[in-house]
Amino acid sequence: MSSSETTTDHKAIRAWAEERKGRPAVIRAGGKGGVLRIDFGEKEEEFDEIGWEEFFKIFDESKLAFLYQDKTKDGKTSRFNKFVERG
């Protein structure tokens, strides 16, 4: 069975993303900062790559938490992630 976890720990989030060759990115949309994403593989056209410092500034100012999965049901490395409101 696959399960997900939630964290606000910057080091854990960065390590999870980098283990999967993910890069911090944002979709600039009207409001402050933008919508955070982790970009994998080839760069997505609508994503603007940003540094980890800016990424975590937006993350904290938006009071977000990182919901993620380490492994899929069949034990493979998962890239599932989502940004959610802190509980």
PDB file of N, CA and C in Angstrom:
ATOM      1  N   MET A   1       0.845  -1.185   0.000  1.00  0.00           N
ATOM      2  CA  MET A   1       0.000   0.000   0.000  1.00  0.00           C
ATOM      3  C   MET A   1       0.884   1.240   0.000  1.00  0.00           C
ATOM      4  N   SER A   2       0.531   2.237  -0.804  1.00  0.00           N
ATOM      5  CA  SER A   2       1.291   3.476  -0.822  1.00  0.00           C
ATOM      6  C   SER A   2       0.641   4.463   0.138  1.00  0.00           C
ATOM      7  N   SER A   3       1.453   5.283   0.758  1.00  0.00           N
ATOM      8  CA  SER A   3       0.918   6.284   1.671  1.00  0.00           C
ATOM      9  C   SER A   3       1.618   7.607   1.415  1.00  0.00           C
ATOM     10  N   SER A   4       0.989   8.667   1.870  1.00  0.00           N
ATOM     11  CA  SER A   4       1.582   9.981   1.695  1.00  0.00           C
ATOM     12  C   SER A   4       1.872  10.597   3.055  1.00  0.00           C
ATOM     13  N   GLU A   5       2.761  11.546   3.050  1.00  0.00           N
ATOM     14  CA  GLU A   5       3.137  12.259   4.259  1.00  0.00           C
ATOM     15  C   GLU A   5       3.085  13.747   3.968  1.00  0.00           C
ATOM     16  N   THR A   6       3.034  14.548   5.012  1.00  0.00           N
ATOM     17  CA  THR A   6       3.019  15.990   4.868  1.00  0.00           C
ATOM     18  C   THR A   6       4.133  16.572   5.728  1.00  0.00           C
ATOM     19  N   THR A   7       4.828  17.580   5.186  1.00  0.00           N
ATOM     20  CA  THR A   7       5.900  18.232   5.929  1.00  0.00           C
ATOM     21  C   THR A   7       5.984  19.710   5.569  1.00  0.00           C
ATOM     22  N   THR A   8       6.610  20.465   6.458  1.00  0.00           N
ATOM     23  CA  THR A   8       6.953  21.859   6.172  1.00  0.00           C
ATOM     24  C   THR A   8       8.473  22.041   6.268  1.00  0.00           C
ATOM     25  N   ASP A   9       9.192  20.947   6.481  1.00  0.00           N
ATOM     26  CA  ASP A   9      10.646  20.982   6.656  1.00  0.00           C
ATOM     27  C   ASP A   9      11.345  21.240   5.316  1.00  0.00           C
ATOM     28  N   HIS A  10      12.018  22.375   5.227  1.00  0.00           N
ATOM     29  CA  HIS A  10      12.671  22.785   3.978  1.00  0.00           C
ATOM     30  C   HIS A  10      13.691  21.763   3.494  1.00  0.00           C
ATOM     31  N   LYS A  11      14.505  21.246   4.411  1.00  0.00           N
ATOM     32  CA  LYS A  11      15.545  20.286   4.018  1.00  0.00           C
ATOM     33  C   LYS A  11      14.932  18.997   3.478  1.00  0.00           C
ATOM     34  N   ALA A  12      13.868  18.536   4.103  1.00  0.00           N
ATOM     35  CA  ALA A  12      13.203  17.296   3.658  1.00  0.00           C
ATOM     36  C   ALA A  12      12.577  17.490   2.277  1.00  0.00           C
ATOM     37  N   ILE A  13      11.956  18.637   2.044  1.00  0.00           N
ATOM     38  CA  ILE A  13      11.321  18.917   0.754  1.00  0.00           C
ATOM     39  C   ILE A  13      12.375  18.988  -0.348  1.00  0.00           C
ATOM     40  N   ARG A  14      13.442  19.720  -0.076  1.00  0.00           N
ATOM     41  CA  ARG A  14      14.503  19.865  -1.085  1.00  0.00           C
ATOM     42  C   ARG A  14      15.143  18.515  -1.390  1.00  0.00           C
ATOM     43  N   ALA A  15      15.417  17.711  -0.365  1.00  0.00           N
ATOM     44  CA  ALA A  15      16.033  16.397  -0.561  1.00  0.00           C
ATOM     45  C   ALA A  15      15.112  15.491  -1.382  1.00  0.00           C
ATOM     46  N   TRP A  16      13.807  15.481  -1.060  1.00  0.00           N
ATOM     47  CA  TRP A  16      12.853  14.663  -1.802  1.00  0.00           C
ATOM     48  C   TRP A  16      12.865  15.051  -3.285  1.00  0.00           C
ATOM     49  N   ALA A  17      12.794  16.362  -3.562  1.00  0.00           N
ATOM     50  CA  ALA A  17      12.762  16.848  -4.950  1.00  0.00           C
ATOM     51  C   ALA A  17      14.056  16.517  -5.686  1.00  0.00           C
ATOM     52  N   GLU A  18      15.188  16.785  -5.061  1.00  0.00           N
ATOM     53  CA  GLU A  18      16.472  16.573  -5.732  1.00  0.00           C
ATOM     54  C   GLU A  18      16.752  15.097  -5.982  1.00  0.00           C
ATOM     55  N   GLU A  19      16.277  14.209  -5.103  1.00  0.00           N
ATOM     56  CA  GLU A  19      16.440  12.769  -5.322  1.00  0.00           C
ATOM     57  C   GLU A  19      15.732  12.328  -6.606  1.00  0.00           C
ATOM     58  N   ARG A  20      14.724  13.103  -7.004  1.00  0.00           N
ATOM     59  CA  ARG A  20      13.923  12.776  -8.189  1.00  0.00           C
ATOM     60  C   ARG A  20      14.237  13.704  -9.358  1.00  0.00           C
ATOM     61  N   LYS A  21      15.342  14.422  -9.256  1.00  0.00           N
ATOM     62  CA  LYS A  21      15.781  15.372 -10.288  1.00  0.00           C
ATOM     63  C   LYS A  21      14.756  16.497 -10.504  1.00  0.00           C
ATOM     64  N   GLY A  22      14.082  16.889  -9.420  1.00  0.00           N
ATOM     65  CA  GLY A  22      13.103  17.970  -9.469  1.00  0.00           C
ATOM     66  C   GLY A  22      13.759  19.319  -9.216  1.00  0.00           C
ATOM     67  N   ARG A  23      13.175  20.345  -9.822  1.00  0.00           N
ATOM     68  CA  ARG A  23      13.675  21.714  -9.665  1.00  0.00           C
ATOM     69  C   ARG A  23      12.544  22.604  -9.168  1.00  0.00           C
ATOM     70  N   PRO A  24      12.873  23.581  -8.304  1.00  0.00           N
ATOM     71  CA  PRO A  24      11.835  24.493  -7.818  1.00  0.00           C
ATOM     72  C   PRO A  24      11.355  25.394  -8.948  1.00  0.00           C
ATOM     73  N   ALA A  25      10.041  25.583  -9.020  1.00  0.00           N
ATOM     74  CA  ALA A  25       9.463  26.402 -10.079  1.00  0.00           C
ATOM     75  C   ALA A  25       8.210  27.094  -9.560  1.00  0.00           C
ATOM     76  N   VAL A  26       7.770  28.070 -10.339  1.00  0.00           N
ATOM     77  CA  VAL A  26       6.562  28.807  -9.993  1.00  0.00           C
ATOM     78  C   VAL A  26       5.800  29.123 -11.274  1.00  0.00           C
ATOM     79  N   ILE A  27       4.490  29.131 -11.163  1.00  0.00           N
ATOM     80  CA  ILE A  27       3.646  29.632 -12.244  1.00  0.00           C
ATOM     81  C   ILE A  27       3.220  31.023 -11.786  1.00  0.00           C
ATOM     82  N   ARG A  28       3.668  32.043 -12.494  1.00  0.00           N
ATOM     83  CA  ARG A  28       3.343  33.423 -12.115  1.00  0.00           C
ATOM     84  C   ARG A  28       1.890  33.696 -12.466  1.00  0.00           C
ATOM     85  N   ALA A  29       1.097  33.952 -11.442  1.00  0.00           N
ATOM     86  CA  ALA A  29      -0.340  34.158 -11.663  1.00  0.00           C
ATOM     87  C   ALA A  29      -0.848  35.285 -10.778  1.00  0.00           C
ATOM     88  N   GLY A  30      -0.894  36.460 -11.311  1.00  0.00           N
ATOM     89  CA  GLY A  30      -1.508  37.607 -10.664  1.00  0.00           C
ATOM     90  C   GLY A  30      -1.070  37.944  -9.256  1.00  0.00           C
ATOM     91  N   GLY A  31      -1.361  37.085  -8.288  1.00  0.00           N
ATOM     92  CA  GLY A  31      -1.126  37.404  -6.889  1.00  0.00           C
ATOM     93  C   GLY A  31       0.337  37.404  -6.493  1.00  0.00           C
ATOM     94  N   LYS A  32       0.564  37.404  -5.182  1.00  0.00           N
ATOM     95  CA  LYS A  32       1.926  37.401  -4.652  1.00  0.00           C
ATOM     96  C   LYS A  32       2.643  36.112  -5.018  1.00  0.00           C
ATOM     97  N   GLY A  33       3.859  36.227  -5.463  1.00  0.00           N
ATOM     98  CA  GLY A  33       4.711  35.061  -5.686  1.00  0.00           C
ATOM     99  C   GLY A  33       4.312  34.180  -6.843  1.00  0.00           C
ATOM    100  N   GLY A  34       3.195  33.508  -6.734  1.00  0.00           N
ATOM    101  CA  GLY A  34       2.743  32.592  -7.770  1.00  0.00           C
ATOM    102  C   GLY A  34       2.408  31.242  -7.180  1.00  0.00           C
ATOM    103  N   VAL A  35       2.157  30.282  -8.061  1.00  0.00           N
ATOM    104  CA  VAL A  35       1.784  28.928  -7.664  1.00  0.00           C
ATOM    105  C   VAL A  35       3.030  28.050  -7.736  1.00  0.00           C
ATOM    106  N   LEU A  36       3.400  27.469  -6.602  1.00  0.00           N
ATOM    107  CA  LEU A  36       4.618  26.654  -6.548  1.00  0.00           C
ATOM    108  C   LEU A  36       4.426  25.301  -7.213  1.00  0.00           C
ATOM    109  N   ARG A  37       5.514  24.830  -7.814  1.00  0.00           N
ATOM    110  CA  ARG A  37       5.561  23.509  -8.429  1.00  0.00           C
ATOM    111  C   ARG A  37       6.966  22.947  -8.288  1.00  0.00           C
ATOM    112  N   ILE A  38       7.067  21.631  -8.385  1.00  0.00           N
ATOM    113  CA  ILE A  38       8.354  20.965  -8.561  1.00  0.00           C
ATOM    114  C   ILE A  38       8.351  20.511 -10.016  1.00  0.00           C
ATOM    115  N   ASP A  39       9.341  20.944 -10.780  1.00  0.00           N
ATOM    116  CA  ASP A  39       9.417  20.634 -12.210  1.00  0.00           C
ATOM    117  C   ASP A  39      10.376  19.460 -12.401  1.00  0.00           C
ATOM    118  N   PHE A  40       9.890  18.417 -13.063  1.00  0.00           N
ATOM    119  CA  PHE A  40      10.686  17.217 -13.321  1.00  0.00           C
ATOM    120  C   PHE A  40      10.967  17.103 -14.810  1.00  0.00           C
ATOM    121  N   GLY A  41      12.104  16.533 -15.138  1.00  0.00           N
ATOM    122  CA  GLY A  41      12.409  16.260 -16.543  1.00  0.00           C
ATOM    123  C   GLY A  41      12.576  17.523 -17.360  1.00  0.00           C
ATOM    124  N   GLU A  42      12.017  17.500 -18.564  1.00  0.00           N
ATOM    125  CA  GLU A  42      12.125  18.650 -19.444  1.00  0.00           C
ATOM    126  C   GLU A  42      11.298  19.807 -18.898  1.00  0.00           C
ATOM    127  N   LYS A  43      11.825  21.021 -19.035  1.00  0.00           N
ATOM    128  CA  LYS A  43      11.168  22.198 -18.472  1.00  0.00           C
ATOM    129  C   LYS A  43       9.770  22.388 -19.061  1.00  0.00           C
ATOM    130  N   GLU A  44       8.808  22.576 -18.171  1.00  0.00           N
ATOM    131  CA  GLU A  44       7.436  22.889 -18.582  1.00  0.00           C
ATOM    132  C   GLU A  44       7.389  24.355 -19.011  1.00  0.00           C
ATOM    133  N   GLU A  45       6.737  24.633 -20.123  1.00  0.00           N
ATOM    134  CA  GLU A  45       6.714  25.978 -20.699  1.00  0.00           C
ATOM    135  C   GLU A  45       6.155  27.026 -19.742  1.00  0.00           C
ATOM    136  N   GLU A  46       5.078  26.691 -19.006  1.00  0.00           N
ATOM    137  CA  GLU A  46       4.450  27.685 -18.144  1.00  0.00           C
ATOM    138  C   GLU A  46       5.152  27.860 -16.793  1.00  0.00           C
ATOM    139  N   PHE A  47       6.149  27.033 -16.520  1.00  0.00           N
ATOM    140  CA  PHE A  47       6.876  27.114 -15.257  1.00  0.00           C
ATOM    141  C   PHE A  47       8.085  28.028 -15.388  1.00  0.00           C
ATOM    142  N   ASP A  48       8.276  28.891 -14.397  1.00  0.00           N
ATOM    143  CA  ASP A  48       9.499  29.685 -14.295  1.00  0.00           C
ATOM    144  C   ASP A  48      10.358  29.047 -13.219  1.00  0.00           C
ATOM    145  N   GLU A  49      11.557  28.603 -13.583  1.00  0.00           N
ATOM    146  CA  GLU A  49      12.450  28.044 -12.573  1.00  0.00           C
ATOM    147  C   GLU A  49      12.905  29.149 -11.639  1.00  0.00           C
ATOM    148  N   ILE A  50      12.957  28.835 -10.346  1.00  0.00           N
ATOM    149  CA  ILE A  50      13.409  29.783  -9.335  1.00  0.00           C
ATOM    150  C   ILE A  50      14.390  29.065  -8.422  1.00  0.00           C
ATOM    151  N   GLY A  51      15.079  29.825  -7.601  1.00  0.00           N
ATOM    152  CA  GLY A  51      15.998  29.231  -6.634  1.00  0.00           C
ATOM    153  C   GLY A  51      15.244  28.729  -5.413  1.00  0.00           C
ATOM    154  N   TRP A  52      15.912  27.876  -4.657  1.00  0.00           N
ATOM    155  CA  TRP A  52      15.281  27.329  -3.460  1.00  0.00           C
ATOM    156  C   TRP A  52      14.943  28.418  -2.453  1.00  0.00           C
ATOM    157  N   GLU A  53      15.769  29.457  -2.361  1.00  0.00           N
ATOM    158  CA  GLU A  53      15.503  30.534  -1.393  1.00  0.00           C
ATOM    159  C   GLU A  53      14.159  31.207  -1.695  1.00  0.00           C
ATOM    160  N   GLU A  54      13.932  31.582  -2.965  1.00  0.00           N
ATOM    161  CA  GLU A  54      12.659  32.206  -3.353  1.00  0.00           C
ATOM    162  C   GLU A  54      11.505  31.221  -3.183  1.00  0.00           C
ATOM    163  N   PHE A  55      11.744  29.963  -3.548  1.00  0.00           N
ATOM    164  CA  PHE A  55      10.733  28.918  -3.411  1.00  0.00           C
ATOM    165  C   PHE A  55      10.225  28.833  -1.969  1.00  0.00           C
ATOM    166  N   PHE A  56      11.153  28.752  -1.017  1.00  0.00           N
ATOM    167  CA  PHE A  56      10.748  28.601   0.379  1.00  0.00           C
ATOM    168  C   PHE A  56      10.190  29.894   0.969  1.00  0.00           C
ATOM    169  N   LYS A  57      10.569  31.033   0.432  1.00  0.00           N
ATOM    170  CA  LYS A  57       9.975  32.309   0.857  1.00  0.00           C
ATOM    171  C   LYS A  57       8.486  32.303   0.499  1.00  0.00           C
ATOM    172  N   ILE A  58       8.163  31.932  -0.732  1.00  0.00           N
ATOM    173  CA  ILE A  58       6.761  31.847  -1.166  1.00  0.00           C
ATOM    174  C   ILE A  58       6.031  30.770  -0.365  1.00  0.00           C
ATOM    175  N   PHE A  59       6.676  29.634  -0.168  1.00  0.00           N
ATOM    176  CA  PHE A  59       6.115  28.506   0.580  1.00  0.00           C
ATOM    177  C   PHE A  59       5.693  28.947   1.986  1.00  0.00           C
ATOM    178  N   ASP A  60       6.595  29.630   2.691  1.00  0.00           N
ATOM    179  CA  ASP A  60       6.301  30.051   4.062  1.00  0.00           C
ATOM    180  C   ASP A  60       5.285  31.195   4.110  1.00  0.00           C
ATOM    181  N   GLU A  61       5.425  32.174   3.219  1.00  0.00           N
ATOM    182  CA  GLU A  61       4.490  33.308   3.201  1.00  0.00           C
ATOM    183  C   GLU A  61       3.074  32.855   2.869  1.00  0.00           C
ATOM    184  N   SER A  62       2.962  31.809   2.059  1.00  0.00           N
ATOM    185  CA  SER A  62       1.646  31.284   1.677  1.00  0.00           C
ATOM    186  C   SER A  62       1.109  30.276   2.692  1.00  0.00           C
ATOM    187  N   LYS A  63       1.897  29.995   3.726  1.00  0.00           N
ATOM    188  CA  LYS A  63       1.528  29.038   4.780  1.00  0.00           C
ATOM    189  C   LYS A  63       1.126  27.676   4.190  1.00  0.00           C
ATOM    190  N   LEU A  64       2.039  27.155   3.367  1.00  0.00           N
ATOM    191  CA  LEU A  64       1.800  25.874   2.710  1.00  0.00           C
ATOM    192  C   LEU A  64       2.496  24.732   3.434  1.00  0.00           C
ATOM    193  N   ALA A  65       2.036  23.540   3.154  1.00  0.00           N
ATOM    194  CA  ALA A  65       2.690  22.303   3.564  1.00  0.00           C
ATOM    195  C   ALA A  65       2.877  21.469   2.297  1.00  0.00           C
ATOM    196  N   PHE A  66       3.817  20.547   2.337  1.00  0.00           N
ATOM    197  CA  PHE A  66       4.151  19.717   1.182  1.00  0.00           C
ATOM    198  C   PHE A  66       3.639  18.306   1.439  1.00  0.00           C
ATOM    199  N   LEU A  67       2.687  17.876   0.630  1.00  0.00           N
ATOM    200  CA  LEU A  67       2.137  16.523   0.682  1.00  0.00           C
ATOM    201  C   LEU A  67       2.870  15.712  -0.377  1.00  0.00           C
ATOM    202  N   TYR A  68       3.433  14.572   0.016  1.00  0.00           N
ATOM    203  CA  TYR A  68       4.249  13.810  -0.927  1.00  0.00           C
ATOM    204  C   TYR A  68       4.169  12.322  -0.646  1.00  0.00           C
ATOM    205  N   GLN A  69       4.609  11.548  -1.640  1.00  0.00           N
ATOM    206  CA  GLN A  69       4.647  10.099  -1.532  1.00  0.00           C
ATOM    207  C   GLN A  69       6.066   9.654  -1.866  1.00  0.00           C
ATOM    208  N   ASP A  70       6.645   8.790  -1.040  1.00  0.00           N
ATOM    209  CA  ASP A  70       7.990   8.278  -1.305  1.00  0.00           C
ATOM    210  C   ASP A  70       7.990   7.156  -2.334  1.00  0.00           C
ATOM    211  N   LYS A  71       7.061   6.216  -2.183  1.00  0.00           N
ATOM    212  CA  LYS A  71       7.010   5.030  -3.050  1.00  0.00           C
ATOM    213  C   LYS A  71       5.598   4.812  -3.576  1.00  0.00           C
ATOM    214  N   THR A  72       5.507   4.253  -4.779  1.00  0.00           N
ATOM    215  CA  THR A  72       4.215   3.863  -5.338  1.00  0.00           C
ATOM    216  C   THR A  72       3.778   2.540  -4.712  1.00  0.00           C
ATOM    217  N   LYS A  73       2.566   2.100  -5.035  1.00  0.00           N
ATOM    218  CA  LYS A  73       2.062   0.831  -4.500  1.00  0.00           C
ATOM    219  C   LYS A  73       2.993  -0.328  -4.805  1.00  0.00           C
ATOM    220  N   ASP A  74       3.618  -0.293  -5.989  1.00  0.00           N
ATOM    221  CA  ASP A  74       4.502  -1.398  -6.367  1.00  0.00           C
ATOM    222  C   ASP A  74       5.957  -1.183  -5.954  1.00  0.00           C
ATOM    223  N   GLY A  75       6.203  -0.182  -5.090  1.00  0.00           N
ATOM    224  CA  GLY A  75       7.529   0.017  -4.514  1.00  0.00           C
ATOM    225  C   GLY A  75       8.481   0.886  -5.313  1.00  0.00           C
ATOM    226  N   LYS A  76       8.013   1.461  -6.411  1.00  0.00           N
ATOM    227  CA  LYS A  76       8.868   2.337  -7.214  1.00  0.00           C
ATOM    228  C   LYS A  76       8.898   3.740  -6.615  1.00  0.00           C
ATOM    229  N   THR A  77       9.937   4.485  -6.951  1.00  0.00           N
ATOM    230  CA  THR A  77      10.057   5.858  -6.476  1.00  0.00           C
ATOM    231  C   THR A  77       8.915   6.696  -7.051  1.00  0.00           C
ATOM    232  N   SER A  78       8.223   7.394  -6.173  1.00  0.00           N
ATOM    233  CA  SER A  78       7.079   8.208  -6.582  1.00  0.00           C
ATOM    234  C   SER A  78       7.472   9.675  -6.720  1.00  0.00           C
ATOM    235  N   ARG A  79       6.840  10.356  -7.669  1.00  0.00           N
ATOM    236  CA  ARG A  79       7.017  11.802  -7.807  1.00  0.00           C
ATOM    237  C   ARG A  79       5.739  12.548  -7.418  1.00  0.00           C
ATOM    238  N   PHE A  80       4.766  11.821  -6.852  1.00  0.00           N
ATOM    239  CA  PHE A  80       3.512  12.464  -6.466  1.00  0.00           C
ATOM    240  C   PHE A  80       3.788  13.501  -5.386  1.00  0.00           C
ATOM    241  N   ASN A  81       3.303  14.721  -5.624  1.00  0.00           N
ATOM    242  CA  ASN A  81       3.408  15.776  -4.623  1.00  0.00           C
ATOM    243  C   ASN A  81       2.331  16.805  -4.853  1.00  0.00           C
ATOM    244  N   LYS A  82       2.024  17.541  -3.790  1.00  0.00           N
ATOM    245  CA  LYS A  82       0.981  18.557  -3.859  1.00  0.00           C
ATOM    246  C   LYS A  82       1.238  19.558  -2.732  1.00  0.00           C
ATOM    247  N   PHE A  83       0.931  20.812  -3.010  1.00  0.00           N
ATOM    248  CA  PHE A  83       1.058  21.843  -1.980  1.00  0.00           C
ATOM    249  C   PHE A  83      -0.327  22.081  -1.385  1.00  0.00           C
ATOM    250  N   VAL A  84      -0.416  22.019  -0.061  1.00  0.00           N
ATOM    251  CA  VAL A  84      -1.685  22.147   0.638  1.00  0.00           C
ATOM    252  C   VAL A  84      -1.554  23.194   1.737  1.00  0.00           C
ATOM    253  N   GLU A  85      -2.688  23.661   2.237  1.00  0.00           N
ATOM    254  CA  GLU A  85      -2.668  24.606   3.349  1.00  0.00           C
ATOM    255  C   GLU A  85      -2.187  23.895   4.596  1.00  0.00           C
ATOM    256  N   ARG A  86      -1.436  24.630   5.411  1.00  0.00           N
ATOM    257  CA  ARG A  86      -0.985  24.053   6.682  1.00  0.00           C
ATOM    258  C   ARG A  86      -2.180  23.842   7.590  1.00  0.00           C
ATOM    259  N   GLY A  87      -2.176  22.701   8.264  1.00  0.00           N
ATOM    260  CA  GLY A  87      -3.301  22.356   9.120  1.00  0.00           C
ATOM    261  C   GLY A  87      -3.157  22.855  10.521  1.00  0.00           C
TER     262      GLY A  87
END
